Amino acid sequence: MSLSLPSTIWVATAPINLRLSFDRLAGIVRAELGGDPKQPLLVMFHNRRRTHAKLLWHNGRGYCLFYQRLDRGRTFRIPLAIPPEAKSVVVSGRELQLILEGIDQKLLRKARTVVAALRAERTG
């Protein structure tokens, strides 16, 4: 068995209820993201806490769904949407891979502390 993924990858910027399955997620792709879920397109959805993600794509024969839960203490780092009202962002396969690896929340907190200290030095 080989797994062939689409080259076009979208990450939904708004969290959703991940209890939704194939048809409801495909409906979100159509109605809210403006895409055609049966085209060569992979869409990543995430929950509010960014600890769970679902990837939806159509392989030409039917919908495929990949569901991931990160280990405790890790979070998905969702790209910031530009412009802010964007409902999804396009990412590369490598970017998706990095998102799915997750970030250690302790490292993220430390980085934010360092950045805040540097900003305080510059302004103070």
C-alpha atoms as a PDB file:
ATOM      1  CA  MET A   1       0.000   0.000   0.000  1.00  0.00           C
ATOM      2  CA  SER A   2       1.319   3.438  -0.878  1.00  0.00           C
ATOM      3  CA  LEU A   3      -0.040   6.671   0.459  1.00  0.00           C
ATOM      4  CA  SER A   4      -0.089   9.471  -2.081  1.00  0.00           C
ATOM      5  CA  LEU A   5      -0.921  12.880  -0.636  1.00  0.00           C
ATOM      6  CA  PRO A   6      -2.053  15.923  -2.622  1.00  0.00           C
ATOM      7  CA  SER A   7       0.515  18.649  -3.240  1.00  0.00           C
ATOM      8  CA  THR A   8      -1.912  21.440  -2.299  1.00  0.00           C
ATOM      9  CA  ILE A   9      -2.175  21.701   1.492  1.00  0.00           C
ATOM     10  CA  TRP A  10      -4.404  24.079   3.438  1.00  0.00           C
ATOM     11  CA  VAL A  11      -4.415  24.621   7.193  1.00  0.00           C
ATOM     12  CA  ALA A  12      -7.731  25.893   8.551  1.00  0.00           C
ATOM     13  CA  THR A  13      -7.055  28.873  10.799  1.00  0.00           C
ATOM     14  CA  ALA A  14     -10.126  28.514  13.029  1.00  0.00           C
ATOM     15  CA  PRO A  15     -10.446  25.570  15.413  1.00  0.00           C
ATOM     16  CA  ILE A  16     -13.304  23.113  14.859  1.00  0.00           C
ATOM     17  CA  ASN A  17     -15.069  20.307  16.673  1.00  0.00           C
ATOM     18  CA  LEU A  18     -12.953  17.280  15.769  1.00  0.00           C
ATOM     19  CA  ARG A  19     -15.825  14.875  16.450  1.00  0.00           C
ATOM     20  CA  LEU A  20     -16.939  15.752  12.914  1.00  0.00           C
ATOM     21  CA  SER A  21     -16.161  13.101  10.341  1.00  0.00           C
ATOM     22  CA  PHE A  22     -15.728  12.769   6.572  1.00  0.00           C
ATOM     23  CA  ASP A  23     -18.873  14.399   5.169  1.00  0.00           C
ATOM     24  CA  ARG A  24     -19.124  17.231   7.702  1.00  0.00           C
ATOM     25  CA  LEU A  25     -15.437  18.119   7.254  1.00  0.00           C
ATOM     26  CA  ALA A  26     -15.864  18.030   3.467  1.00  0.00           C
ATOM     27  CA  GLY A  27     -18.852  20.354   3.921  1.00  0.00           C
ATOM     28  CA  ILE A  28     -16.663  22.797   5.880  1.00  0.00           C
ATOM     29  CA  VAL A  29     -14.097  22.728   3.077  1.00  0.00           C
ATOM     30  CA  ARG A  30     -16.851  23.607   0.582  1.00  0.00           C
ATOM     31  CA  ALA A  31     -18.930  26.088   2.590  1.00  0.00           C
ATOM     32  CA  GLU A  32     -16.386  27.881   4.768  1.00  0.00           C
ATOM     33  CA  LEU A  33     -13.025  27.487   3.043  1.00  0.00           C
ATOM     34  CA  GLY A  34     -14.275  27.751  -0.534  1.00  0.00           C
ATOM     35  CA  GLY A  35     -12.524  24.622  -1.774  1.00  0.00           C
ATOM     36  CA  ASP A  36     -13.579  21.418  -3.495  1.00  0.00           C
ATOM     37  CA  PRO A  37     -12.714  18.521  -1.171  1.00  0.00           C
ATOM     38  CA  LYS A  38     -12.695  16.040  -4.084  1.00  0.00           C
ATOM     39  CA  GLN A  39      -9.917  17.936  -5.876  1.00  0.00           C
ATOM     40  CA  PRO A  40      -6.239  17.208  -5.100  1.00  0.00           C
ATOM     41  CA  LEU A  41      -6.331  19.069  -1.801  1.00  0.00           C
ATOM     42  CA  LEU A  42      -5.384  18.121   1.763  1.00  0.00           C
ATOM     43  CA  VAL A  43      -6.925  20.182   4.569  1.00  0.00           C
ATOM     44  CA  MET A  44      -5.689  20.192   8.163  1.00  0.00           C
ATOM     45  CA  PHE A  45      -8.202  20.964  10.909  1.00  0.00           C
ATOM     46  CA  HIS A  46      -7.322  21.425  14.595  1.00  0.00           C
ATOM     47  CA  ASN A  47      -9.030  21.781  17.938  1.00  0.00           C
ATOM     48  CA  ARG A  48      -9.043  24.922  20.095  1.00  0.00           C
ATOM     49  CA  ARG A  49      -6.140  23.794  22.317  1.00  0.00           C
ATOM     50  CA  ARG A  50      -4.125  22.734  19.228  1.00  0.00           C
ATOM     51  CA  THR A  51      -3.442  19.291  20.695  1.00  0.00           C
ATOM     52  CA  HIS A  52      -5.433  17.295  18.113  1.00  0.00           C
ATOM     53  CA  ALA A  53      -5.532  17.505  14.321  1.00  0.00           C
ATOM     54  CA  LYS A  54      -7.377  15.856  11.450  1.00  0.00           C
ATOM     55  CA  LEU A  55      -6.187  15.790   7.852  1.00  0.00           C
ATOM     56  CA  LEU A  56      -8.839  15.288   5.176  1.00  0.00           C
ATOM     57  CA  TRP A  57      -8.218  14.512   1.502  1.00  0.00           C
ATOM     58  CA  HIS A  58      -9.836  12.592  -1.341  1.00  0.00           C
ATOM     59  CA  ASN A  59      -7.676   9.963  -3.048  1.00  0.00           C
ATOM     60  CA  GLY A  60      -9.876   9.586  -6.144  1.00  0.00           C
ATOM     61  CA  ARG A  61     -11.770   6.634  -4.663  1.00  0.00           C
ATOM     62  CA  GLY A  62     -12.971   8.114  -1.384  1.00  0.00           C
ATOM     63  CA  TYR A  63     -12.203  10.402   1.517  1.00  0.00           C
ATOM     64  CA  CYS A  64      -9.188   9.714   3.711  1.00  0.00           C
ATOM     65  CA  LEU A  65      -8.886  10.936   7.257  1.00  0.00           C
ATOM     66  CA  PHE A  66      -5.775  11.047   9.430  1.00  0.00           C
ATOM     67  CA  TYR A  67      -6.245  11.875  13.117  1.00  0.00           C
ATOM     68  CA  GLN A  68      -3.378  12.818  15.427  1.00  0.00           C
ATOM     69  CA  ARG A  69      -3.211  13.578  19.133  1.00  0.00           C
ATOM     70  CA  LEU A  70       0.035  15.040  20.417  1.00  0.00           C
ATOM     71  CA  ASP A  71       1.632  13.813  23.611  1.00  0.00           C
ATOM     72  CA  ARG A  72       1.018  15.842  26.747  1.00  0.00           C
ATOM     73  CA  GLY A  73       2.997  19.077  26.863  1.00  0.00           C
ATOM     74  CA  ARG A  74       3.143  19.535  23.072  1.00  0.00           C
ATOM     75  CA  THR A  75       1.022  21.736  20.820  1.00  0.00           C
ATOM     76  CA  PHE A  76       0.566  22.303  17.112  1.00  0.00           C
ATOM     77  CA  ARG A  77       1.973  25.636  15.954  1.00  0.00           C
ATOM     78  CA  ILE A  78      -0.573  26.832  13.415  1.00  0.00           C
ATOM     79  CA  PRO A  79       0.760  29.431  10.937  1.00  0.00           C
ATOM     80  CA  LEU A  80      -0.603  32.935  11.342  1.00  0.00           C
ATOM     81  CA  ALA A  81      -3.082  33.816   8.618  1.00  0.00           C
ATOM     82  CA  ILE A  82      -2.316  36.832   6.450  1.00  0.00           C
ATOM     83  CA  PRO A  83      -4.658  38.684   6.105  1.00  0.00           C
ATOM     84  CA  PRO A  84      -6.184  38.162   9.567  1.00  0.00           C
ATOM     85  CA  GLU A  85      -9.648  37.324   8.167  1.00  0.00           C
ATOM     86  CA  ALA A  86      -8.276  34.412   6.085  1.00  0.00           C
ATOM     87  CA  LYS A  87     -10.006  31.106   6.824  1.00  0.00           C
ATOM     88  CA  SER A  88      -7.052  28.970   5.730  1.00  0.00           C
ATOM     89  CA  VAL A  89      -3.397  29.242   4.799  1.00  0.00           C
ATOM     90  CA  VAL A  90      -1.468  27.299   2.179  1.00  0.00           C
ATOM     91  CA  VAL A  91       1.588  25.413   3.457  1.00  0.00           C
ATOM     92  CA  SER A  92       4.187  23.161   1.886  1.00  0.00           C
ATOM     93  CA  GLY A  93       4.560  19.472   2.657  1.00  0.00           C
ATOM     94  CA  ARG A  94       7.612  20.259   4.803  1.00  0.00           C
ATOM     95  CA  GLU A  95       5.688  22.916   6.741  1.00  0.00           C
ATOM     96  CA  LEU A  96       2.873  20.420   7.371  1.00  0.00           C
ATOM     97  CA  GLN A  97       5.423  17.913   8.624  1.00  0.00           C
ATOM     98  CA  LEU A  98       6.818  20.498  11.055  1.00  0.00           C
ATOM     99  CA  ILE A  99       3.324  21.443  12.252  1.00  0.00           C
ATOM    100  CA  LEU A 100       2.467  17.786  12.911  1.00  0.00           C
ATOM    101  CA  GLU A 101       5.672  17.286  14.931  1.00  0.00           C
ATOM    102  CA  GLY A 102       4.357  19.852  17.404  1.00  0.00           C
ATOM    103  CA  ILE A 103       6.228  22.173  19.729  1.00  0.00           C
ATOM    104  CA  ASP A 104       7.125  21.577  23.348  1.00  0.00           C
ATOM    105  CA  GLN A 105       5.038  24.069  25.328  1.00  0.00           C
ATOM    106  CA  LYS A 106       7.835  24.591  27.890  1.00  0.00           C
ATOM    107  CA  LEU A 107      10.237  25.660  25.130  1.00  0.00           C
ATOM    108  CA  LEU A 108       7.566  27.933  23.686  1.00  0.00           C
ATOM    109  CA  ARG A 109       7.054  29.634  27.076  1.00  0.00           C
ATOM    110  CA  LYS A 110      10.820  30.103  27.522  1.00  0.00           C
ATOM    111  CA  ALA A 111      11.129  31.610  24.045  1.00  0.00           C
ATOM    112  CA  ARG A 112       8.279  34.029  24.749  1.00  0.00           C
ATOM    113  CA  THR A 113       9.967  35.075  28.017  1.00  0.00           C
ATOM    114  CA  VAL A 114      13.261  35.754  26.237  1.00  0.00           C
ATOM    115  CA  VAL A 115      11.537  37.756  23.492  1.00  0.00           C
ATOM    116  CA  ALA A 116       9.608  39.804  26.077  1.00  0.00           C
ATOM    117  CA  ALA A 117      12.843  40.539  27.977  1.00  0.00           C
ATOM    118  CA  LEU A 118      14.595  41.662  24.786  1.00  0.00           C
ATOM    119  CA  ARG A 119      11.702  43.953  23.902  1.00  0.00           C
ATOM    120  CA  ALA A 120      11.740  45.435  27.415  1.00  0.00           C
ATOM    121  CA  GLU A 121      15.494  46.134  27.080  1.00  0.00           C
ATOM    122  CA  ARG A 122      14.987  47.941  23.787  1.00  0.00           C
ATOM    123  CA  THR A 123      12.143  50.117  25.060  1.00  0.00           C
ATOM    124  CA  GLY A 124      13.490  50.691  28.569  1.00  0.00           C
END
